[in-house]
PDBML (XML) file of the C-alpha atoms, coordinates in Angstrom:
<?xml version="1.0" encoding="UTF-8" ?>
<PDBx:datablock datablockName="MODEL"
   xmlns:PDBx="http://pdbml.pdb.org/schema/pdbx-v50.xsd"
   xmlns:xsi="http://www.w3.org/2001/XMLSchema-instance"
   xsi:schemaLocation="http://pdbml.pdb.org/schema/pdbx-v50.xsd pdbx-v50.xsd">
   <PDBx:atom_siteCategory>
      <PDBx:atom_site id="1">
         <PDBx:B_iso_or_equiv>0.00</PDBx:B_iso_or_equiv>
         <PDBx:Cartn_x>-46.601</PDBx:Cartn_x>
         <PDBx:Cartn_y>-118.456</PDBx:Cartn_y>
         <PDBx:Cartn_z>8.715</PDBx:Cartn_z>
         <PDBx:auth_asym_id>A</PDBx:auth_asym_id>
         <PDBx:auth_atom_id>CA</PDBx:auth_atom_id>
         <PDBx:auth_comp_id>PHE</PDBx:auth_comp_id>
         <PDBx:auth_seq_id>1</PDBx:auth_seq_id>
         <PDBx:group_PDB>ATOM</PDBx:group_PDB>
         <PDBx:label_alt_id xsi:nil="true" />
         <PDBx:label_asym_id>A</PDBx:label_asym_id>
         <PDBx:label_atom_id>CA</PDBx:label_atom_id>
         <PDBx:label_comp_id>PHE</PDBx:label_comp_id>
         <PDBx:label_entity_id>1</PDBx:label_entity_id>
         <PDBx:label_seq_id>1</PDBx:label_seq_id>
         <PDBx:occupancy>1.00</PDBx:occupancy>
         <PDBx:pdbx_PDB_model_num>1</PDBx:pdbx_PDB_model_num>
         <PDBx:type_symbol>C</PDBx:type_symbol>
      </PDBx:atom_site>
      <PDBx:atom_site id="2">
         <PDBx:B_iso_or_equiv>0.00</PDBx:B_iso_or_equiv>
         <PDBx:Cartn_x>-47.216</PDBx:Cartn_x>
         <PDBx:Cartn_y>-122.040</PDBx:Cartn_y>
         <PDBx:Cartn_z>7.978</PDBx:Cartn_z>
         <PDBx:auth_asym_id>A</PDBx:auth_asym_id>
         <PDBx:auth_atom_id>CA</PDBx:auth_atom_id>
         <PDBx:auth_comp_id>THR</PDBx:auth_comp_id>
         <PDBx:auth_seq_id>2</PDBx:auth_seq_id>
         <PDBx:group_PDB>ATOM</PDBx:group_PDB>
         <PDBx:label_alt_id xsi:nil="true" />
         <PDBx:label_asym_id>A</PDBx:label_asym_id>
         <PDBx:label_atom_id>CA</PDBx:label_atom_id>
         <PDBx:label_comp_id>THR</PDBx:label_comp_id>
         <PDBx:label_entity_id>1</PDBx:label_entity_id>
         <PDBx:label_seq_id>2</PDBx:label_seq_id>
         <PDBx:occupancy>1.00</PDBx:occupancy>
         <PDBx:pdbx_PDB_model_num>1</PDBx:pdbx_PDB_model_num>
         <PDBx:type_symbol>C</PDBx:type_symbol>
      </PDBx:atom_site>
      <PDBx:atom_site id="3">
         <PDBx:B_iso_or_equiv>0.00</PDBx:B_iso_or_equiv>
         <PDBx:Cartn_x>-48.742</PDBx:Cartn_x>
         <PDBx:Cartn_y>-124.442</PDBx:Cartn_y>
         <PDBx:Cartn_z>5.578</PDBx:Cartn_z>
         <PDBx:auth_asym_id>A</PDBx:auth_asym_id>
         <PDBx:auth_atom_id>CA</PDBx:auth_atom_id>
         <PDBx:auth_comp_id>THR</PDBx:auth_comp_id>
         <PDBx:auth_seq_id>3</PDBx:auth_seq_id>
         <PDBx:group_PDB>ATOM</PDBx:group_PDB>
         <PDBx:label_alt_id xsi:nil="true" />
         <PDBx:label_asym_id>A</PDBx:label_asym_id>
         <PDBx:label_atom_id>CA</PDBx:label_atom_id>
         <PDBx:label_comp_id>THR</PDBx:label_comp_id>
         <PDBx:label_entity_id>1</PDBx:label_entity_id>
         <PDBx:label_seq_id>3</PDBx:label_seq_id>
         <PDBx:occupancy>1.00</PDBx:occupancy>
         <PDBx:pdbx_PDB_model_num>1</PDBx:pdbx_PDB_model_num>
         <PDBx:type_symbol>C</PDBx:type_symbol>
      </PDBx:atom_site>
      <PDBx:atom_site id="4">
         <PDBx:B_iso_or_equiv>0.00</PDBx:B_iso_or_equiv>
         <PDBx:Cartn_x>-49.819</PDBx:Cartn_x>
         <PDBx:Cartn_y>-128.050</PDBx:Cartn_y>
         <PDBx:Cartn_z>6.732</PDBx:Cartn_z>
         <PDBx:auth_asym_id>A</PDBx:auth_asym_id>
         <PDBx:auth_atom_id>CA</PDBx:auth_atom_id>
         <PDBx:auth_comp_id>ASP</PDBx:auth_comp_id>
         <PDBx:auth_seq_id>4</PDBx:auth_seq_id>
         <PDBx:group_PDB>ATOM</PDBx:group_PDB>
         <PDBx:label_alt_id xsi:nil="true" />
         <PDBx:label_asym_id>A</PDBx:label_asym_id>
         <PDBx:label_atom_id>CA</PDBx:label_atom_id>
         <PDBx:label_comp_id>ASP</PDBx:label_comp_id>
         <PDBx:label_entity_id>1</PDBx:label_entity_id>
         <PDBx:label_seq_id>4</PDBx:label_seq_id>
         <PDBx:occupancy>1.00</PDBx:occupancy>
         <PDBx:pdbx_PDB_model_num>1</PDBx:pdbx_PDB_model_num>
         <PDBx:type_symbol>C</PDBx:type_symbol>
      </PDBx:atom_site>
      <PDBx:atom_site id="5">
         <PDBx:B_iso_or_equiv>0.00</PDBx:B_iso_or_equiv>
         <PDBx:Cartn_x>-46.354</PDBx:Cartn_x>
         <PDBx:Cartn_y>-129.104</PDBx:Cartn_y>
         <PDBx:Cartn_z>7.167</PDBx:Cartn_z>
         <PDBx:auth_asym_id>A</PDBx:auth_asym_id>
         <PDBx:auth_atom_id>CA</PDBx:auth_atom_id>
         <PDBx:auth_comp_id>ALA</PDBx:auth_comp_id>
         <PDBx:auth_seq_id>5</PDBx:auth_seq_id>
         <PDBx:group_PDB>ATOM</PDBx:group_PDB>
         <PDBx:label_alt_id xsi:nil="true" />
         <PDBx:label_asym_id>A</PDBx:label_asym_id>
         <PDBx:label_atom_id>CA</PDBx:label_atom_id>
         <PDBx:label_comp_id>ALA</PDBx:label_comp_id>
         <PDBx:label_entity_id>1</PDBx:label_entity_id>
         <PDBx:label_seq_id>5</PDBx:label_seq_id>
         <PDBx:occupancy>1.00</PDBx:occupancy>
         <PDBx:pdbx_PDB_model_num>1</PDBx:pdbx_PDB_model_num>
         <PDBx:type_symbol>C</PDBx:type_symbol>
      </PDBx:atom_site>
      <PDBx:atom_site id="6">
         <PDBx:B_iso_or_equiv>0.00</PDBx:B_iso_or_equiv>
         <PDBx:Cartn_x>-44.488</PDBx:Cartn_x>
         <PDBx:Cartn_y>-127.892</PDBx:Cartn_y>
         <PDBx:Cartn_z>10.218</PDBx:Cartn_z>
         <PDBx:auth_asym_id>A</PDBx:auth_asym_id>
         <PDBx:auth_atom_id>CA</PDBx:auth_atom_id>
         <PDBx:auth_comp_id>PHE</PDBx:auth_comp_id>
         <PDBx:auth_seq_id>6</PDBx:auth_seq_id>
         <PDBx:group_PDB>ATOM</PDBx:group_PDB>
         <PDBx:label_alt_id xsi:nil="true" />
         <PDBx:label_asym_id>A</PDBx:label_asym_id>
         <PDBx:label_atom_id>CA</PDBx:label_atom_id>
         <PDBx:label_comp_id>PHE</PDBx:label_comp_id>
         <PDBx:label_entity_id>1</PDBx:label_entity_id>
         <PDBx:label_seq_id>6</PDBx:label_seq_id>
         <PDBx:occupancy>1.00</PDBx:occupancy>
         <PDBx:pdbx_PDB_model_num>1</PDBx:pdbx_PDB_model_num>
         <PDBx:type_symbol>C</PDBx:type_symbol>
      </PDBx:atom_site>
      <PDBx:atom_site id="7">
         <PDBx:B_iso_or_equiv>0.00</PDBx:B_iso_or_equiv>
         <PDBx:Cartn_x>-41.141</PDBx:Cartn_x>
         <PDBx:Cartn_y>-127.741</PDBx:Cartn_y>
         <PDBx:Cartn_z>8.490</PDBx:Cartn_z>
         <PDBx:auth_asym_id>A</PDBx:auth_asym_id>
         <PDBx:auth_atom_id>CA</PDBx:auth_atom_id>
         <PDBx:auth_comp_id>THR</PDBx:auth_comp_id>
         <PDBx:auth_seq_id>7</PDBx:auth_seq_id>
         <PDBx:group_PDB>ATOM</PDBx:group_PDB>
         <PDBx:label_alt_id xsi:nil="true" />
         <PDBx:label_asym_id>A</PDBx:label_asym_id>
         <PDBx:label_atom_id>CA</PDBx:label_atom_id>
         <PDBx:label_comp_id>THR</PDBx:label_comp_id>
         <PDBx:label_entity_id>1</PDBx:label_entity_id>
         <PDBx:label_seq_id>7</PDBx:label_seq_id>
         <PDBx:occupancy>1.00</PDBx:occupancy>
         <PDBx:pdbx_PDB_model_num>1</PDBx:pdbx_PDB_model_num>
         <PDBx:type_symbol>C</PDBx:type_symbol>
      </PDBx:atom_site>
      <PDBx:atom_site id="8">
         <PDBx:B_iso_or_equiv>0.00</PDBx:B_iso_or_equiv>
         <PDBx:Cartn_x>-42.547</PDBx:Cartn_x>
         <PDBx:Cartn_y>-124.760</PDBx:Cartn_y>
         <PDBx:Cartn_z>6.533</PDBx:Cartn_z>
         <PDBx:auth_asym_id>A</PDBx:auth_asym_id>
         <PDBx:auth_atom_id>CA</PDBx:auth_atom_id>
         <PDBx:auth_comp_id>SER</PDBx:auth_comp_id>
         <PDBx:auth_seq_id>8</PDBx:auth_seq_id>
         <PDBx:group_PDB>ATOM</PDBx:group_PDB>
         <PDBx:label_alt_id xsi:nil="true" />
         <PDBx:label_asym_id>A</PDBx:label_asym_id>
         <PDBx:label_atom_id>CA</PDBx:label_atom_id>
         <PDBx:label_comp_id>SER</PDBx:label_comp_id>
         <PDBx:label_entity_id>1</PDBx:label_entity_id>
         <PDBx:label_seq_id>8</PDBx:label_seq_id>
         <PDBx:occupancy>1.00</PDBx:occupancy>
         <PDBx:pdbx_PDB_model_num>1</PDBx:pdbx_PDB_model_num>
         <PDBx:type_symbol>C</PDBx:type_symbol>
      </PDBx:atom_site>
      <PDBx:atom_site id="9">
         <PDBx:B_iso_or_equiv>0.00</PDBx:B_iso_or_equiv>
         <PDBx:Cartn_x>-42.217</PDBx:Cartn_x>
         <PDBx:Cartn_y>-122.713</PDBx:Cartn_y>
         <PDBx:Cartn_z>9.551</PDBx:Cartn_z>
         <PDBx:auth_asym_id>A</PDBx:auth_asym_id>
         <PDBx:auth_atom_id>CA</PDBx:auth_atom_id>
         <PDBx:auth_comp_id>GLU</PDBx:auth_comp_id>
         <PDBx:auth_seq_id>9</PDBx:auth_seq_id>
         <PDBx:group_PDB>ATOM</PDBx:group_PDB>
         <PDBx:label_alt_id xsi:nil="true" />
         <PDBx:label_asym_id>A</PDBx:label_asym_id>
         <PDBx:label_atom_id>CA</PDBx:label_atom_id>
         <PDBx:label_comp_id>GLU</PDBx:label_comp_id>
         <PDBx:label_entity_id>1</PDBx:label_entity_id>
         <PDBx:label_seq_id>9</PDBx:label_seq_id>
         <PDBx:occupancy>1.00</PDBx:occupancy>
         <PDBx:pdbx_PDB_model_num>1</PDBx:pdbx_PDB_model_num>
         <PDBx:type_symbol>C</PDBx:type_symbol>
      </PDBx:atom_site>
      <PDBx:atom_site id="10">
         <PDBx:B_iso_or_equiv>0.00</PDBx:B_iso_or_equiv>
         <PDBx:Cartn_x>-39.236</PDBx:Cartn_x>
         <PDBx:Cartn_y>-120.353</PDBx:Cartn_y>
         <PDBx:Cartn_z>9.768</PDBx:Cartn_z>
         <PDBx:auth_asym_id>A</PDBx:auth_asym_id>
         <PDBx:auth_atom_id>CA</PDBx:auth_atom_id>
         <PDBx:auth_comp_id>ARG</PDBx:auth_comp_id>
         <PDBx:auth_seq_id>10</PDBx:auth_seq_id>
         <PDBx:group_PDB>ATOM</PDBx:group_PDB>
         <PDBx:label_alt_id xsi:nil="true" />
         <PDBx:label_asym_id>A</PDBx:label_asym_id>
         <PDBx:label_atom_id>CA</PDBx:label_atom_id>
         <PDBx:label_comp_id>ARG</PDBx:label_comp_id>
         <PDBx:label_entity_id>1</PDBx:label_entity_id>
         <PDBx:label_seq_id>10</PDBx:label_seq_id>
         <PDBx:occupancy>1.00</PDBx:occupancy>
         <PDBx:pdbx_PDB_model_num>1</PDBx:pdbx_PDB_model_num>
         <PDBx:type_symbol>C</PDBx:type_symbol>
      </PDBx:atom_site>
      <PDBx:atom_site id="11">
         <PDBx:B_iso_or_equiv>0.00</PDBx:B_iso_or_equiv>
         <PDBx:Cartn_x>-37.738</PDBx:Cartn_x>
         <PDBx:Cartn_y>-119.392</PDBx:Cartn_y>
         <PDBx:Cartn_z>13.045</PDBx:Cartn_z>
         <PDBx:auth_asym_id>A</PDBx:auth_asym_id>
         <PDBx:auth_atom_id>CA</PDBx:auth_atom_id>
         <PDBx:auth_comp_id>THR</PDBx:auth_comp_id>
         <PDBx:auth_seq_id>11</PDBx:auth_seq_id>
         <PDBx:group_PDB>ATOM</PDBx:group_PDB>
         <PDBx:label_alt_id xsi:nil="true" />
         <PDBx:label_asym_id>A</PDBx:label_asym_id>
         <PDBx:label_atom_id>CA</PDBx:label_atom_id>
         <PDBx:label_comp_id>THR</PDBx:label_comp_id>
         <PDBx:label_entity_id>1</PDBx:label_entity_id>
         <PDBx:label_seq_id>11</PDBx:label_seq_id>
         <PDBx:occupancy>1.00</PDBx:occupancy>
         <PDBx:pdbx_PDB_model_num>1</PDBx:pdbx_PDB_model_num>
         <PDBx:type_symbol>C</PDBx:type_symbol>
      </PDBx:atom_site>
      <PDBx:atom_site id="12">
         <PDBx:B_iso_or_equiv>0.00</PDBx:B_iso_or_equiv>
         <PDBx:Cartn_x>-35.672</PDBx:Cartn_x>
         <PDBx:Cartn_y>-116.123</PDBx:Cartn_y>
         <PDBx:Cartn_z>13.806</PDBx:Cartn_z>
         <PDBx:auth_asym_id>A</PDBx:auth_asym_id>
         <PDBx:auth_atom_id>CA</PDBx:auth_atom_id>
         <PDBx:auth_comp_id>HIS</PDBx:auth_comp_id>
         <PDBx:auth_seq_id>12</PDBx:auth_seq_id>
         <PDBx:group_PDB>ATOM</PDBx:group_PDB>
         <PDBx:label_alt_id xsi:nil="true" />
         <PDBx:label_asym_id>A</PDBx:label_asym_id>
         <PDBx:label_atom_id>CA</PDBx:label_atom_id>
         <PDBx:label_comp_id>HIS</PDBx:label_comp_id>
         <PDBx:label_entity_id>1</PDBx:label_entity_id>
         <PDBx:label_seq_id>12</PDBx:label_seq_id>
         <PDBx:occupancy>1.00</PDBx:occupancy>
         <PDBx:pdbx_PDB_model_num>1</PDBx:pdbx_PDB_model_num>
         <PDBx:type_symbol>C</PDBx:type_symbol>
      </PDBx:atom_site>
      <PDBx:atom_site id="13">
         <PDBx:B_iso_or_equiv>0.00</PDBx:B_iso_or_equiv>
         <PDBx:Cartn_x>-33.998</PDBx:Cartn_x>
         <PDBx:Cartn_y>-115.303</PDBx:Cartn_y>
         <PDBx:Cartn_z>17.216</PDBx:Cartn_z>
         <PDBx:auth_asym_id>A</PDBx:auth_asym_id>
         <PDBx:auth_atom_id>CA</PDBx:auth_atom_id>
         <PDBx:auth_comp_id>TYR</PDBx:auth_comp_id>
         <PDBx:auth_seq_id>13</PDBx:auth_seq_id>
         <PDBx:group_PDB>ATOM</PDBx:group_PDB>
         <PDBx:label_alt_id xsi:nil="true" />
         <PDBx:label_asym_id>A</PDBx:label_asym_id>
         <PDBx:label_atom_id>CA</PDBx:label_atom_id>
         <PDBx:label_comp_id>TYR</PDBx:label_comp_id>
         <PDBx:label_entity_id>1</PDBx:label_entity_id>
         <PDBx:label_seq_id>13</PDBx:label_seq_id>
         <PDBx:occupancy>1.00</PDBx:occupancy>
         <PDBx:pdbx_PDB_model_num>1</PDBx:pdbx_PDB_model_num>
         <PDBx:type_symbol>C</PDBx:type_symbol>
      </PDBx:atom_site>
      <PDBx:atom_site id="14">
         <PDBx:B_iso_or_equiv>0.00</PDBx:B_iso_or_equiv>
         <PDBx:Cartn_x>-32.347</PDBx:Cartn_x>
         <PDBx:Cartn_y>-112.243</PDBx:Cartn_y>
         <PDBx:Cartn_z>18.784</PDBx:Cartn_z>
         <PDBx:auth_asym_id>A</PDBx:auth_asym_id>
         <PDBx:auth_atom_id>CA</PDBx:auth_atom_id>
         <PDBx:auth_comp_id>ALA</PDBx:auth_comp_id>
         <PDBx:auth_seq_id>14</PDBx:auth_seq_id>
         <PDBx:group_PDB>ATOM</PDBx:group_PDB>
         <PDBx:label_alt_id xsi:nil="true" />
         <PDBx:label_asym_id>A</PDBx:label_asym_id>
         <PDBx:label_atom_id>CA</PDBx:label_atom_id>
         <PDBx:label_comp_id>ALA</PDBx:label_comp_id>
         <PDBx:label_entity_id>1</PDBx:label_entity_id>
         <PDBx:label_seq_id>14</PDBx:label_seq_id>
         <PDBx:occupancy>1.00</PDBx:occupancy>
         <PDBx:pdbx_PDB_model_num>1</PDBx:pdbx_PDB_model_num>
         <PDBx:type_symbol>C</PDBx:type_symbol>
      </PDBx:atom_site>
      <PDBx:atom_site id="15">
         <PDBx:B_iso_or_equiv>0.00</PDBx:B_iso_or_equiv>
         <PDBx:Cartn_x>-28.765</PDBx:Cartn_x>
         <PDBx:Cartn_y>-112.955</PDBx:Cartn_y>
         <PDBx:Cartn_z>19.305</PDBx:Cartn_z>
         <PDBx:auth_asym_id>A</PDBx:auth_asym_id>
         <PDBx:auth_atom_id>CA</PDBx:auth_atom_id>
         <PDBx:auth_comp_id>ASP</PDBx:auth_comp_id>
         <PDBx:auth_seq_id>15</PDBx:auth_seq_id>
         <PDBx:group_PDB>ATOM</PDBx:group_PDB>
         <PDBx:label_alt_id xsi:nil="true" />
         <PDBx:label_asym_id>A</PDBx:label_asym_id>
         <PDBx:label_atom_id>CA</PDBx:label_atom_id>
         <PDBx:label_comp_id>ASP</PDBx:label_comp_id>
         <PDBx:label_entity_id>1</PDBx:label_entity_id>
         <PDBx:label_seq_id>15</PDBx:label_seq_id>
         <PDBx:occupancy>1.00</PDBx:occupancy>
         <PDBx:pdbx_PDB_model_num>1</PDBx:pdbx_PDB_model_num>
         <PDBx:type_symbol>C</PDBx:type_symbol>
      </PDBx:atom_site>
      <PDBx:atom_site id="16">
         <PDBx:B_iso_or_equiv>0.00</PDBx:B_iso_or_equiv>
         <PDBx:Cartn_x>-29.282</PDBx:Cartn_x>
         <PDBx:Cartn_y>-112.265</PDBx:Cartn_y>
         <PDBx:Cartn_z>23.153</PDBx:Cartn_z>
         <PDBx:auth_asym_id>A</PDBx:auth_asym_id>
         <PDBx:auth_atom_id>CA</PDBx:auth_atom_id>
         <PDBx:auth_comp_id>SER</PDBx:auth_comp_id>
         <PDBx:auth_seq_id>16</PDBx:auth_seq_id>
         <PDBx:group_PDB>ATOM</PDBx:group_PDB>
         <PDBx:label_alt_id xsi:nil="true" />
         <PDBx:label_asym_id>A</PDBx:label_asym_id>
         <PDBx:label_atom_id>CA</PDBx:label_atom_id>
         <PDBx:label_comp_id>SER</PDBx:label_comp_id>
         <PDBx:label_entity_id>1</PDBx:label_entity_id>
         <PDBx:label_seq_id>16</PDBx:label_seq_id>
         <PDBx:occupancy>1.00</PDBx:occupancy>
         <PDBx:pdbx_PDB_model_num>1</PDBx:pdbx_PDB_model_num>
         <PDBx:type_symbol>C</PDBx:type_symbol>
      </PDBx:atom_site>
      <PDBx:atom_site id="17">
         <PDBx:B_iso_or_equiv>0.00</PDBx:B_iso_or_equiv>
         <PDBx:Cartn_x>-31.578</PDBx:Cartn_x>
         <PDBx:Cartn_y>-115.475</PDBx:Cartn_y>
         <PDBx:Cartn_z>23.321</PDBx:Cartn_z>
         <PDBx:auth_asym_id>A</PDBx:auth_asym_id>
         <PDBx:auth_atom_id>CA</PDBx:auth_atom_id>
         <PDBx:auth_comp_id>VAL</PDBx:auth_comp_id>
         <PDBx:auth_seq_id>17</PDBx:auth_seq_id>
         <PDBx:group_PDB>ATOM</PDBx:group_PDB>
         <PDBx:label_alt_id xsi:nil="true" />
         <PDBx:label_asym_id>A</PDBx:label_asym_id>
         <PDBx:label_atom_id>CA</PDBx:label_atom_id>
         <PDBx:label_comp_id>VAL</PDBx:label_comp_id>
         <PDBx:label_entity_id>1</PDBx:label_entity_id>
         <PDBx:label_seq_id>17</PDBx:label_seq_id>
         <PDBx:occupancy>1.00</PDBx:occupancy>
         <PDBx:pdbx_PDB_model_num>1</PDBx:pdbx_PDB_model_num>
         <PDBx:type_symbol>C</PDBx:type_symbol>
      </PDBx:atom_site>
      <PDBx:atom_site id="18">
         <PDBx:B_iso_or_equiv>0.00</PDBx:B_iso_or_equiv>
         <PDBx:Cartn_x>-30.077</PDBx:Cartn_x>
         <PDBx:Cartn_y>-117.765</PDBx:Cartn_y>
         <PDBx:Cartn_z>20.750</PDBx:Cartn_z>
         <PDBx:auth_asym_id>A</PDBx:auth_asym_id>
         <PDBx:auth_atom_id>CA</PDBx:auth_atom_id>
         <PDBx:auth_comp_id>LYS</PDBx:auth_comp_id>
         <PDBx:auth_seq_id>18</PDBx:auth_seq_id>
         <PDBx:group_PDB>ATOM</PDBx:group_PDB>
         <PDBx:label_alt_id xsi:nil="true" />
         <PDBx:label_asym_id>A</PDBx:label_asym_id>
         <PDBx:label_atom_id>CA</PDBx:label_atom_id>
         <PDBx:label_comp_id>LYS</PDBx:label_comp_id>
         <PDBx:label_entity_id>1</PDBx:label_entity_id>
         <PDBx:label_seq_id>18</PDBx:label_seq_id>
         <PDBx:occupancy>1.00</PDBx:occupancy>
         <PDBx:pdbx_PDB_model_num>1</PDBx:pdbx_PDB_model_num>
         <PDBx:type_symbol>C</PDBx:type_symbol>
      </PDBx:atom_site>
      <PDBx:atom_site id="19">
         <PDBx:B_iso_or_equiv>0.00</PDBx:B_iso_or_equiv>
         <PDBx:Cartn_x>-29.427</PDBx:Cartn_x>
         <PDBx:Cartn_y>-121.152</PDBx:Cartn_y>
         <PDBx:Cartn_z>21.834</PDBx:Cartn_z>
         <PDBx:auth_asym_id>A</PDBx:auth_asym_id>
         <PDBx:auth_atom_id>CA</PDBx:auth_atom_id>
         <PDBx:auth_comp_id>GLY</PDBx:auth_comp_id>
         <PDBx:auth_seq_id>19</PDBx:auth_seq_id>
         <PDBx:group_PDB>ATOM</PDBx:group_PDB>
         <PDBx:label_alt_id xsi:nil="true" />
         <PDBx:label_asym_id>A</PDBx:label_asym_id>
         <PDBx:label_atom_id>CA</PDBx:label_atom_id>
         <PDBx:label_comp_id>GLY</PDBx:label_comp_id>
         <PDBx:label_entity_id>1</PDBx:label_entity_id>
         <PDBx:label_seq_id>19</PDBx:label_seq_id>
         <PDBx:occupancy>1.00</PDBx:occupancy>
         <PDBx:pdbx_PDB_model_num>1</PDBx:pdbx_PDB_model_num>
         <PDBx:type_symbol>C</PDBx:type_symbol>
      </PDBx:atom_site>
      <PDBx:atom_site id="20">
         <PDBx:B_iso_or_equiv>0.00</PDBx:B_iso_or_equiv>
         <PDBx:Cartn_x>-31.415</PDBx:Cartn_x>
         <PDBx:Cartn_y>-120.656</PDBx:Cartn_y>
         <PDBx:Cartn_z>24.901</PDBx:Cartn_z>
         <PDBx:auth_asym_id>A</PDBx:auth_asym_id>
         <PDBx:auth_atom_id>CA</PDBx:auth_atom_id>
         <PDBx:auth_comp_id>ARG</PDBx:auth_comp_id>
         <PDBx:auth_seq_id>20</PDBx:auth_seq_id>
         <PDBx:group_PDB>ATOM</PDBx:group_PDB>
         <PDBx:label_alt_id xsi:nil="true" />
         <PDBx:label_asym_id>A</PDBx:label_asym_id>
         <PDBx:label_atom_id>CA</PDBx:label_atom_id>
         <PDBx:label_comp_id>ARG</PDBx:label_comp_id>
         <PDBx:label_entity_id>1</PDBx:label_entity_id>
         <PDBx:label_seq_id>20</PDBx:label_seq_id>
         <PDBx:occupancy>1.00</PDBx:occupancy>
         <PDBx:pdbx_PDB_model_num>1</PDBx:pdbx_PDB_model_num>
         <PDBx:type_symbol>C</PDBx:type_symbol>
      </PDBx:atom_site>
      <PDBx:atom_site id="21">
         <PDBx:B_iso_or_equiv>0.00</PDBx:B_iso_or_equiv>
         <PDBx:Cartn_x>-34.925</PDBx:Cartn_x>
         <PDBx:Cartn_y>-119.745</PDBx:Cartn_y>
         <PDBx:Cartn_z>23.754</PDBx:Cartn_z>
         <PDBx:auth_asym_id>A</PDBx:auth_asym_id>
         <PDBx:auth_atom_id>CA</PDBx:auth_atom_id>
         <PDBx:auth_comp_id>PHE</PDBx:auth_comp_id>
         <PDBx:auth_seq_id>21</PDBx:auth_seq_id>
         <PDBx:group_PDB>ATOM</PDBx:group_PDB>
         <PDBx:label_alt_id xsi:nil="true" />
         <PDBx:label_asym_id>A</PDBx:label_asym_id>
         <PDBx:label_atom_id>CA</PDBx:label_atom_id>
         <PDBx:label_comp_id>PHE</PDBx:label_comp_id>
         <PDBx:label_entity_id>1</PDBx:label_entity_id>
         <PDBx:label_seq_id>21</PDBx:label_seq_id>
         <PDBx:occupancy>1.00</PDBx:occupancy>
         <PDBx:pdbx_PDB_model_num>1</PDBx:pdbx_PDB_model_num>
         <PDBx:type_symbol>C</PDBx:type_symbol>
      </PDBx:atom_site>
      <PDBx:atom_site id="22">
         <PDBx:B_iso_or_equiv>0.00</PDBx:B_iso_or_equiv>
         <PDBx:Cartn_x>-37.073</PDBx:Cartn_x>
         <PDBx:Cartn_y>-121.762</PDBx:Cartn_y>
         <PDBx:Cartn_z>21.283</PDBx:Cartn_z>
         <PDBx:auth_asym_id>A</PDBx:auth_asym_id>
         <PDBx:auth_atom_id>CA</PDBx:auth_atom_id>
         <PDBx:auth_comp_id>ILE</PDBx:auth_comp_id>
         <PDBx:auth_seq_id>22</PDBx:auth_seq_id>
         <PDBx:group_PDB>ATOM</PDBx:group_PDB>
         <PDBx:label_alt_id xsi:nil="true" />
         <PDBx:label_asym_id>A</PDBx:label_asym_id>
         <PDBx:label_atom_id>CA</PDBx:label_atom_id>
         <PDBx:label_comp_id>ILE</PDBx:label_comp_id>
         <PDBx:label_entity_id>1</PDBx:label_entity_id>
         <PDBx:label_seq_id>22</PDBx:label_seq_id>
         <PDBx:occupancy>1.00</PDBx:occupancy>
         <PDBx:pdbx_PDB_model_num>1</PDBx:pdbx_PDB_model_num>
         <PDBx:type_symbol>C</PDBx:type_symbol>
      </PDBx:atom_site>
      <PDBx:atom_site id="23">
         <PDBx:B_iso_or_equiv>0.00</PDBx:B_iso_or_equiv>
         <PDBx:Cartn_x>-40.298</PDBx:Cartn_x>
         <PDBx:Cartn_y>-120.600</PDBx:Cartn_y>
         <PDBx:Cartn_z>19.493</PDBx:Cartn_z>
         <PDBx:auth_asym_id>A</PDBx:auth_asym_id>
         <PDBx:auth_atom_id>CA</PDBx:auth_atom_id>
         <PDBx:auth_comp_id>ILE</PDBx:auth_comp_id>
         <PDBx:auth_seq_id>23</PDBx:auth_seq_id>
         <PDBx:group_PDB>ATOM</PDBx:group_PDB>
         <PDBx:label_alt_id xsi:nil="true" />
         <PDBx:label_asym_id>A</PDBx:label_asym_id>
         <PDBx:label_atom_id>CA</PDBx:label_atom_id>
         <PDBx:label_comp_id>ILE</PDBx:label_comp_id>
         <PDBx:label_entity_id>1</PDBx:label_entity_id>
         <PDBx:label_seq_id>23</PDBx:label_seq_id>
         <PDBx:occupancy>1.00</PDBx:occupancy>
         <PDBx:pdbx_PDB_model_num>1</PDBx:pdbx_PDB_model_num>
         <PDBx:type_symbol>C</PDBx:type_symbol>
      </PDBx:atom_site>
      <PDBx:atom_site id="24">
         <PDBx:B_iso_or_equiv>0.00</PDBx:B_iso_or_equiv>
         <PDBx:Cartn_x>-42.810</PDBx:Cartn_x>
         <PDBx:Cartn_y>-123.212</PDBx:Cartn_y>
         <PDBx:Cartn_z>18.513</PDBx:Cartn_z>
         <PDBx:auth_asym_id>A</PDBx:auth_asym_id>
         <PDBx:auth_atom_id>CA</PDBx:auth_atom_id>
         <PDBx:auth_comp_id>SER</PDBx:auth_comp_id>
         <PDBx:auth_seq_id>24</PDBx:auth_seq_id>
         <PDBx:group_PDB>ATOM</PDBx:group_PDB>
         <PDBx:label_alt_id xsi:nil="true" />
         <PDBx:label_asym_id>A</PDBx:label_asym_id>
         <PDBx:label_atom_id>CA</PDBx:label_atom_id>
         <PDBx:label_comp_id>SER</PDBx:label_comp_id>
         <PDBx:label_entity_id>1</PDBx:label_entity_id>
         <PDBx:label_seq_id>24</PDBx:label_seq_id>
         <PDBx:occupancy>1.00</PDBx:occupancy>
         <PDBx:pdbx_PDB_model_num>1</PDBx:pdbx_PDB_model_num>
         <PDBx:type_symbol>C</PDBx:type_symbol>
      </PDBx:atom_site>
      <PDBx:atom_site id="25">
         <PDBx:B_iso_or_equiv>0.00</PDBx:B_iso_or_equiv>
         <PDBx:Cartn_x>-46.620</PDBx:Cartn_x>
         <PDBx:Cartn_y>-123.245</PDBx:Cartn_y>
         <PDBx:Cartn_z>17.416</PDBx:Cartn_z>
         <PDBx:auth_asym_id>A</PDBx:auth_asym_id>
         <PDBx:auth_atom_id>CA</PDBx:auth_atom_id>
         <PDBx:auth_comp_id>ARG</PDBx:auth_comp_id>
         <PDBx:auth_seq_id>25</PDBx:auth_seq_id>
         <PDBx:group_PDB>ATOM</PDBx:group_PDB>
         <PDBx:label_alt_id xsi:nil="true" />
         <PDBx:label_asym_id>A</PDBx:label_asym_id>
         <PDBx:label_atom_id>CA</PDBx:label_atom_id>
         <PDBx:label_comp_id>ARG</PDBx:label_comp_id>
         <PDBx:label_entity_id>1</PDBx:label_entity_id>
         <PDBx:label_seq_id>25</PDBx:label_seq_id>
         <PDBx:occupancy>1.00</PDBx:occupancy>
         <PDBx:pdbx_PDB_model_num>1</PDBx:pdbx_PDB_model_num>
         <PDBx:type_symbol>C</PDBx:type_symbol>
      </PDBx:atom_site>
   </PDBx:atom_siteCategory>
</PDBx:datablock>
């Protein structure tokens, strides 16, 4: 979840997709 700052958003990835997939909002 986020505040007004985009940099407050934390991302997590499964090992199988790390480096290939990007989540954003």
